[in-house]
Amino acid sequence: MHALKRWLPVVVWSALILAVSNDWFSTDNTGSFLRGLIGRDLPWALHVALRKLGHLLGYGILGALAFRAARVDFRRPVPVSLAIVILVASIDEWHQATTRSRTGTPWDVLLDVVGAAAAIALLVQKWRPR
């Protein structure tokens, strides 16, 4: 039961990431949403930056959840948690490449891994034996 309690958040967050990997969350749709929040004159660069920040945050959370679970079940939790992030990010980008209004790129996988690695690095520092 304890393993389920540790790994269920990883599965749920991964499912959420993959669920938004569709046309509804394309650049056009998020642009109209962000223009509603920020204003009509939303610069394209800000729109792209906010979308990329979403990658960093979303995968940072996934990396933190995976590391939290893996540190109990594996002797080397960092590679395990990064492997999970790479798998989910690759599936996410592959799926986006198959949709009509989105693209999947290796650069976004790299960005996702950077977000996860930053979160994992923070947690490694927090849980380092003193």
C-alpha atoms as a PDB file:
ATOM      1  CA  MET A   1       0.000   0.000   0.000  1.00  0.00           C
ATOM      2  CA  HIS A   2       2.829   2.415   0.733  1.00  0.00           C
ATOM      3  CA  ALA A   3       4.251   2.009  -2.780  1.00  0.00           C
ATOM      4  CA  LEU A   4       0.853   2.873  -4.244  1.00  0.00           C
ATOM      5  CA  LYS A   5       0.715   5.990  -2.092  1.00  0.00           C
ATOM      6  CA  ARG A   6       4.154   7.056  -3.363  1.00  0.00           C
ATOM      7  CA  TRP A   7       3.702   6.248  -7.050  1.00  0.00           C
ATOM      8  CA  LEU A   8       0.045   7.218  -7.577  1.00  0.00           C
ATOM      9  CA  PRO A   9       0.856  10.978  -7.718  1.00  0.00           C
ATOM     10  CA  VAL A  10       3.488  10.233 -10.401  1.00  0.00           C
ATOM     11  CA  VAL A  11       0.946   8.305 -12.465  1.00  0.00           C
ATOM     12  CA  VAL A  12      -1.798  10.919 -11.996  1.00  0.00           C
ATOM     13  CA  TRP A  13       0.492  13.862 -12.857  1.00  0.00           C
ATOM     14  CA  SER A  14       1.846  11.992 -15.903  1.00  0.00           C
ATOM     15  CA  ALA A  15      -1.718  11.308 -17.022  1.00  0.00           C
ATOM     16  CA  LEU A  16      -2.588  14.990 -16.609  1.00  0.00           C
ATOM     17  CA  ILE A  17       0.418  16.031 -18.708  1.00  0.00           C
ATOM     18  CA  LEU A  18      -0.524  13.563 -21.428  1.00  0.00           C
ATOM     19  CA  ALA A  19      -4.191  14.592 -21.259  1.00  0.00           C
ATOM     20  CA  VAL A  20      -3.352  18.210 -22.145  1.00  0.00           C
ATOM     21  CA  SER A  21      -1.188  17.079 -25.048  1.00  0.00           C
ATOM     22  CA  ASN A  22      -4.008  17.760 -27.485  1.00  0.00           C
ATOM     23  CA  ASP A  23      -5.388  20.409 -29.827  1.00  0.00           C
ATOM     24  CA  TRP A  24      -7.242  22.204 -27.032  1.00  0.00           C
ATOM     25  CA  PHE A  25      -3.918  23.317 -25.594  1.00  0.00           C
ATOM     26  CA  SER A  26      -2.441  24.438 -28.895  1.00  0.00           C
ATOM     27  CA  THR A  27      -0.755  27.814 -29.300  1.00  0.00           C
ATOM     28  CA  ASP A  28      -3.915  29.335 -30.805  1.00  0.00           C
ATOM     29  CA  ASN A  29      -6.119  28.248 -27.917  1.00  0.00           C
ATOM     30  CA  THR A  30      -3.714  29.217 -25.148  1.00  0.00           C
ATOM     31  CA  GLY A  31      -3.118  32.524 -26.930  1.00  0.00           C
ATOM     32  CA  SER A  32      -6.777  33.499 -26.731  1.00  0.00           C
ATOM     33  CA  PHE A  33      -6.897  32.414 -23.078  1.00  0.00           C
ATOM     34  CA  LEU A  34      -3.780  34.416 -22.200  1.00  0.00           C
ATOM     35  CA  ARG A  35      -5.016  37.467 -24.119  1.00  0.00           C
ATOM     36  CA  GLY A  36      -8.152  37.301 -21.988  1.00  0.00           C
ATOM     37  CA  LEU A  37      -6.024  37.323 -18.838  1.00  0.00           C
ATOM     38  CA  ILE A  38      -3.259  39.732 -19.848  1.00  0.00           C
ATOM     39  CA  GLY A  39      -4.866  41.840 -22.550  1.00  0.00           C
ATOM     40  CA  ARG A  40      -5.282  42.030 -26.295  1.00  0.00           C
ATOM     41  CA  ASP A  41      -1.729  43.194 -26.914  1.00  0.00           C
ATOM     42  CA  LEU A  42      -0.067  40.017 -25.687  1.00  0.00           C
ATOM     43  CA  PRO A  43       3.383  39.956 -27.323  1.00  0.00           C
ATOM     44  CA  TRP A  44       4.172  36.713 -29.139  1.00  0.00           C
ATOM     45  CA  ALA A  45       7.448  36.368 -27.225  1.00  0.00           C
ATOM     46  CA  LEU A  46       5.605  36.560 -23.899  1.00  0.00           C
ATOM     47  CA  HIS A  47       3.093  33.977 -25.094  1.00  0.00           C
ATOM     48  CA  VAL A  48       5.889  31.574 -26.049  1.00  0.00           C
ATOM     49  CA  ALA A  49       7.767  32.272 -22.797  1.00  0.00           C
ATOM     50  CA  LEU A  50       4.662  31.495 -20.723  1.00  0.00           C
ATOM     51  CA  ARG A  51       4.097  28.249 -22.628  1.00  0.00           C
ATOM     52  CA  LYS A  52       7.723  27.200 -22.094  1.00  0.00           C
ATOM     53  CA  LEU A  53       7.459  28.146 -18.419  1.00  0.00           C
ATOM     54  CA  GLY A  54       4.515  25.746 -18.296  1.00  0.00           C
ATOM     55  CA  HIS A  55       6.822  22.998 -19.561  1.00  0.00           C
ATOM     56  CA  LEU A  56       9.412  23.780 -16.893  1.00  0.00           C
ATOM     57  CA  LEU A  57       6.865  23.868 -14.078  1.00  0.00           C
ATOM     58  CA  GLY A  58       4.820  20.870 -15.178  1.00  0.00           C
ATOM     59  CA  TYR A  59       7.831  18.644 -15.629  1.00  0.00           C
ATOM     60  CA  GLY A  60       9.495  20.090 -12.531  1.00  0.00           C
ATOM     61  CA  ILE A  61       6.520  18.816 -10.567  1.00  0.00           C
ATOM     62  CA  LEU A  62       6.729  15.441 -12.316  1.00  0.00           C
ATOM     63  CA  GLY A  63      10.454  15.206 -11.565  1.00  0.00           C
ATOM     64  CA  ALA A  64       9.884  16.065  -7.906  1.00  0.00           C
ATOM     65  CA  LEU A  65       7.093  13.506  -7.567  1.00  0.00           C
ATOM     66  CA  ALA A  66       9.137  10.816  -9.321  1.00  0.00           C
ATOM     67  CA  PHE A  67      12.209  11.524  -7.203  1.00  0.00           C
ATOM     68  CA  ARG A  68      10.144  11.476  -4.012  1.00  0.00           C
ATOM     69  CA  ALA A  69       8.794   8.038  -4.921  1.00  0.00           C
ATOM     70  CA  ALA A  70      12.035   6.641  -6.349  1.00  0.00           C
ATOM     71  CA  ARG A  71      14.214   7.614  -3.391  1.00  0.00           C
ATOM     72  CA  VAL A  72      12.353   5.089  -1.252  1.00  0.00           C
ATOM     73  CA  ASP A  73      12.262   2.238  -3.765  1.00  0.00           C
ATOM     74  CA  PHE A  74      15.621   2.577  -5.571  1.00  0.00           C
ATOM     75  CA  ARG A  75      19.233   2.944  -4.517  1.00  0.00           C
ATOM     76  CA  ARG A  76      19.825   5.461  -7.347  1.00  0.00           C
ATOM     77  CA  PRO A  77      16.652   7.576  -7.481  1.00  0.00           C
ATOM     78  CA  VAL A  78      17.963  10.371  -9.729  1.00  0.00           C
ATOM     79  CA  PRO A  79      18.451   8.248 -12.881  1.00  0.00           C
ATOM     80  CA  VAL A  80      15.142   6.462 -12.254  1.00  0.00           C
ATOM     81  CA  SER A  81      13.200   9.704 -11.866  1.00  0.00           C
ATOM     82  CA  LEU A  82      14.900  11.258 -14.914  1.00  0.00           C
ATOM     83  CA  ALA A  83      14.092   8.142 -16.963  1.00  0.00           C
ATOM     84  CA  ILE A  84      10.427   8.529 -16.016  1.00  0.00           C
ATOM     85  CA  VAL A  85      10.482  12.186 -17.063  1.00  0.00           C
ATOM     86  CA  ILE A  86      12.191  11.380 -20.381  1.00  0.00           C
ATOM     87  CA  LEU A  87       9.623   8.657 -21.085  1.00  0.00           C
ATOM     88  CA  VAL A  88       6.620  10.892 -20.340  1.00  0.00           C
ATOM     89  CA  ALA A  89       8.128  13.875 -22.208  1.00  0.00           C
ATOM     90  CA  SER A  90       8.876  11.725 -25.241  1.00  0.00           C
ATOM     91  CA  ILE A  91       5.351  10.293 -25.309  1.00  0.00           C
ATOM     92  CA  ASP A  92       3.955  13.816 -24.863  1.00  0.00           C
ATOM     93  CA  GLU A  93       5.950  15.255 -27.767  1.00  0.00           C
ATOM     94  CA  TRP A  94       5.285  12.239 -29.990  1.00  0.00           C
ATOM     95  CA  HIS A  95       1.556  12.649 -29.362  1.00  0.00           C
ATOM     96  CA  GLN A  96       1.728  16.370 -30.096  1.00  0.00           C
ATOM     97  CA  ALA A  97       3.434  15.573 -33.403  1.00  0.00           C
ATOM     98  CA  THR A  98       0.396  13.492 -34.379  1.00  0.00           C
ATOM     99  CA  THR A  99      -2.147  16.236 -33.673  1.00  0.00           C
ATOM    100  CA  ARG A 100      -3.424  18.705 -36.240  1.00  0.00           C
ATOM    101  CA  SER A 101      -2.488  21.973 -34.541  1.00  0.00           C
ATOM    102  CA  ARG A 102       0.552  21.082 -32.439  1.00  0.00           C
ATOM    103  CA  THR A 103       4.128  20.093 -33.055  1.00  0.00           C
ATOM    104  CA  GLY A 104       6.386  17.810 -31.093  1.00  0.00           C
ATOM    105  CA  THR A 105      10.049  18.703 -30.839  1.00  0.00           C
ATOM    106  CA  PRO A 106      13.118  17.206 -29.188  1.00  0.00           C
ATOM    107  CA  TRP A 107      13.827  20.704 -27.841  1.00  0.00           C
ATOM    108  CA  ASP A 108      10.684  20.529 -25.718  1.00  0.00           C
ATOM    109  CA  VAL A 109      11.775  17.136 -24.365  1.00  0.00           C
ATOM    110  CA  LEU A 110      15.077  18.761 -23.401  1.00  0.00           C
ATOM    111  CA  LEU A 111      13.237  21.678 -21.785  1.00  0.00           C
ATOM    112  CA  ASP A 112      11.062  19.216 -19.856  1.00  0.00           C
ATOM    113  CA  VAL A 113      14.136  17.349 -18.603  1.00  0.00           C
ATOM    114  CA  VAL A 114      15.764  20.638 -17.549  1.00  0.00           C
ATOM    115  CA  GLY A 115      12.683  21.540 -15.488  1.00  0.00           C
ATOM    116  CA  ALA A 116      12.655  18.110 -13.864  1.00  0.00           C
ATOM    117  CA  ALA A 117      16.416  18.120 -13.244  1.00  0.00           C
ATOM    118  CA  ALA A 118      16.185  21.499 -11.501  1.00  0.00           C
ATOM    119  CA  ALA A 119      13.438  20.248  -9.197  1.00  0.00           C
ATOM    120  CA  ILE A 120      15.304  17.008  -8.516  1.00  0.00           C
ATOM    121  CA  ALA A 121      18.507  18.918  -7.749  1.00  0.00           C
ATOM    122  CA  LEU A 122      16.643  20.997  -5.169  1.00  0.00           C
ATOM    123  CA  LEU A 123      15.258  17.880  -3.535  1.00  0.00           C
ATOM    124  CA  VAL A 124      18.630  16.125  -3.535  1.00  0.00           C
ATOM    125  CA  GLN A 125      20.024  19.101  -1.622  1.00  0.00           C
ATOM    126  CA  LYS A 126      17.102  19.026   0.794  1.00  0.00           C
ATOM    127  CA  TRP A 127      17.395  15.305   1.546  1.00  0.00           C
ATOM    128  CA  ARG A 128      21.201  15.069   1.503  1.00  0.00           C
ATOM    129  CA  PRO A 129      22.471  13.452   4.705  1.00  0.00           C
ATOM    130  CA  ARG A 130      24.163  16.022   6.929  1.00  0.00           C
END
